[in-house]
Amino acid sequence: MQSDDVARTVAAQIGERFLGLEPFPRTAGRLRFRSEAALPLFHTVKEQLGFHHLSMVGGIDWVTHREVFYVVWSDDRRQYLLLSADLPAAAPHIESAASVWPAANWHERETWELVDIQFDHHPDLRHLLLPDGYEAHPLLRSFQLHEPEELEVKQRSV
């Protein structure tokens, strides 16, 4: 299946919420979409296009907005596809992909923790890398290092 087929299939499923498919070297492309189309897009990409493996979820703070991206893999095509949506900086949230790709669970937790993107209906959105009670998001451009006496970290019991 060519990139044009990917674009046609996605456009037929999510309509105007599909923003385009840009060339991206050595992949099927970078598919841009509106965040409200996340769940239908995830189902289409997995079930109709055969991208059954989620390799990564990440986020970028562009100051004016946040970008969330997903990297999915198709064994049949032996190819990656990037999915990308822009989110408003004031309320960066998107539907969780964990119901479609269970591997999204930890990736979304890490992205929330570091870049402060909320994943709606995530099954267990809690700290993964940072201590419980840590409220800062270290990969935000607005993040400032704390003086040790200013930082209170609650102990996690294991």
Protein backbone atom coordinates (compact mmCIF):
# COMPACT_ATOMS: atom_id res chain seq x y z
CA MET A 1 0.00 0.00 0.00
CA GLN A 2 1.35 3.41 -0.98
CA SER A 3 1.16 6.68 0.96
CA ASP A 4 -1.77 7.77 -1.24
CA ASP A 5 -3.72 4.71 -0.11
CA VAL A 6 -3.00 5.54 3.53
CA ALA A 7 -4.23 9.11 3.01
CA ARG A 8 -7.40 7.98 1.19
CA THR A 9 -8.28 5.38 3.84
CA VAL A 10 -7.77 7.80 6.72
CA ALA A 11 -9.61 10.66 5.00
CA ALA A 12 -12.58 8.36 4.37
CA GLN A 13 -12.75 7.49 8.09
CA ILE A 14 -12.10 10.82 9.83
CA GLY A 15 -12.93 13.37 7.11
CA GLU A 16 -11.92 16.98 7.77
CA ARG A 17 -10.09 15.97 10.93
CA PHE A 18 -7.40 14.46 8.67
CA LEU A 19 -4.89 17.27 8.05
CA GLY A 20 -2.58 15.56 5.60
CA LEU A 21 0.18 13.05 5.07
CA GLU A 22 3.64 14.54 4.74
CA PRO A 23 6.65 12.68 3.38
CA PHE A 24 8.99 11.50 6.12
CA PRO A 25 12.19 9.68 5.10
CA ARG A 26 12.13 5.87 5.32
CA THR A 27 8.53 5.72 6.61
CA ALA A 28 5.01 5.65 5.19
CA GLY A 29 4.86 9.35 6.13
CA ARG A 30 3.84 11.70 8.90
CA LEU A 31 0.07 11.69 9.25
CA ARG A 32 -1.26 14.88 10.84
CA PHE A 33 -4.72 14.87 12.44
CA ARG A 34 -6.97 16.90 14.72
CA SER A 35 -6.90 15.63 18.29
CA GLU A 36 -10.66 14.99 18.45
CA ALA A 37 -10.19 12.29 15.80
CA ALA A 38 -7.64 10.33 17.82
CA LEU A 39 -9.62 7.20 18.71
CA PRO A 40 -11.23 6.64 15.29
CA LEU A 41 -7.83 7.27 13.68
CA PHE A 42 -6.08 4.79 15.96
CA HIS A 43 -8.64 2.10 15.12
CA THR A 44 -8.37 2.80 11.37
CA VAL A 45 -4.57 2.72 11.40
CA LYS A 46 -4.50 -0.56 13.30
CA GLU A 47 -7.47 -2.46 11.87
CA GLN A 48 -7.64 -1.25 8.26
CA LEU A 49 -4.03 -0.32 7.53
CA GLY A 50 -2.32 -3.07 9.54
CA PHE A 51 -0.14 -1.02 11.87
CA HIS A 52 -0.50 -3.42 14.79
CA HIS A 53 2.51 -2.38 16.85
CA LEU A 54 2.88 0.91 18.72
CA SER A 55 6.58 1.65 19.12
CA MET A 56 6.50 5.03 20.80
CA VAL A 57 4.40 7.92 22.09
CA GLY A 58 6.07 11.25 22.73
CA GLY A 59 5.44 14.92 23.13
CA ILE A 60 7.12 18.21 22.30
CA ASP A 61 6.57 21.56 23.97
CA TRP A 62 6.66 24.20 21.21
CA VAL A 63 5.73 26.91 23.79
CA THR A 64 2.68 28.10 21.80
CA HIS A 65 1.31 24.54 21.61
CA ARG A 66 2.25 20.94 22.35
CA GLU A 67 2.64 18.21 19.80
CA VAL A 68 1.89 14.59 20.58
CA PHE A 69 3.21 11.92 18.23
CA TYR A 70 2.86 8.18 17.86
CA VAL A 71 5.16 5.84 15.96
CA VAL A 72 3.43 2.69 14.71
CA TRP A 73 4.85 -0.29 12.83
CA SER A 74 3.37 -2.69 10.29
CA ASP A 75 4.94 -6.14 9.99
CA ASP A 76 3.20 -6.71 6.64
CA ARG A 77 4.59 -3.51 5.11
CA ARG A 78 7.80 -3.54 7.13
CA GLN A 79 7.30 0.16 7.55
CA TYR A 80 6.73 2.83 10.19
CA LEU A 81 4.00 5.47 10.16
CA LEU A 82 4.13 8.61 12.31
CA LEU A 83 0.89 10.06 13.68
CA SER A 84 0.96 13.65 14.92
CA ALA A 85 -1.50 16.12 16.47
CA ASP A 86 -1.09 19.65 17.81
CA LEU A 87 -2.67 20.41 21.18
CA PRO A 88 -3.31 23.82 22.77
CA ALA A 89 -0.70 24.71 25.39
CA ALA A 90 -3.40 25.81 27.84
CA ALA A 91 -5.22 22.44 27.79
CA PRO A 92 -3.09 19.75 26.14
CA HIS A 93 -5.20 16.61 26.15
CA ILE A 94 -6.03 13.79 23.77
CA GLU A 95 -7.79 10.43 23.99
CA SER A 96 -5.61 7.57 25.24
CA ALA A 97 -4.42 5.01 22.70
CA ALA A 98 -4.15 2.31 25.39
CA SER A 99 -7.49 0.72 24.44
CA VAL A 100 -6.19 0.20 20.88
CA TRP A 101 -2.52 -0.50 21.56
CA PRO A 102 -1.96 -1.67 25.16
CA ALA A 103 1.72 -0.68 24.85
CA ALA A 104 0.58 2.96 24.92
CA ASN A 105 0.01 2.65 28.67
CA TRP A 106 3.60 3.27 29.75
CA HIS A 107 4.46 5.56 26.83
CA GLU A 108 1.55 7.85 27.66
CA ARG A 109 2.44 7.86 31.35
CA GLU A 110 5.96 8.98 30.48
CA THR A 111 4.70 11.66 28.08
CA TRP A 112 2.24 12.99 30.67
CA GLU A 113 4.91 13.01 33.34
CA LEU A 114 7.57 14.81 31.30
CA VAL A 115 5.58 17.04 28.90
CA ASP A 116 2.22 17.43 30.70
CA ILE A 117 -0.04 16.04 27.98
CA GLN A 118 -3.21 14.58 29.51
CA PHE A 119 -4.45 11.30 28.03
CA ASP A 120 -8.22 11.09 28.51
CA HIS A 121 -9.53 7.72 29.72
CA HIS A 122 -6.04 6.38 30.37
CA PRO A 123 -6.35 3.26 32.58
CA ASP A 124 -3.61 4.25 35.08
CA LEU A 125 -2.18 7.75 34.56
CA ARG A 126 0.31 7.99 37.41
CA HIS A 127 4.03 8.65 37.79
CA LEU A 128 6.35 6.22 36.08
CA LEU A 129 9.79 7.84 36.26
CA LEU A 130 9.43 10.63 38.80
CA PRO A 131 8.51 10.27 42.46
CA ASP A 132 4.88 10.39 43.56
CA GLY A 133 3.93 13.93 44.46
CA TYR A 134 6.33 15.52 41.97
CA GLU A 135 4.24 18.13 40.19
CA ALA A 136 6.70 19.67 37.70
CA HIS A 137 7.09 18.45 34.12
CA PRO A 138 10.83 18.50 33.31
CA LEU A 139 10.61 18.61 29.50
CA LEU A 140 8.44 21.73 29.39
CA ARG A 141 10.38 24.75 28.19
CA SER A 142 9.05 26.66 31.20
CA PHE A 143 10.61 24.14 33.62
CA GLN A 144 13.13 25.61 36.03
CA LEU A 145 15.41 23.65 38.26
CA HIS A 146 14.45 23.77 41.91
CA GLU A 147 16.70 24.56 44.77
CA PRO A 148 16.93 21.43 46.96
CA GLU A 149 15.22 23.14 49.90
CA GLU A 150 12.27 24.18 47.68
CA LEU A 151 11.55 20.69 46.42
CA GLU A 152 9.47 18.37 48.55
CA VAL A 153 9.33 14.81 47.29
CA LYS A 154 7.07 12.29 48.96
CA GLN A 155 8.53 8.85 49.52
CA ARG A 156 7.05 5.99 47.55
CA SER A 157 6.49 2.74 49.38
CA VAL A 158 7.28 -0.34 47.37
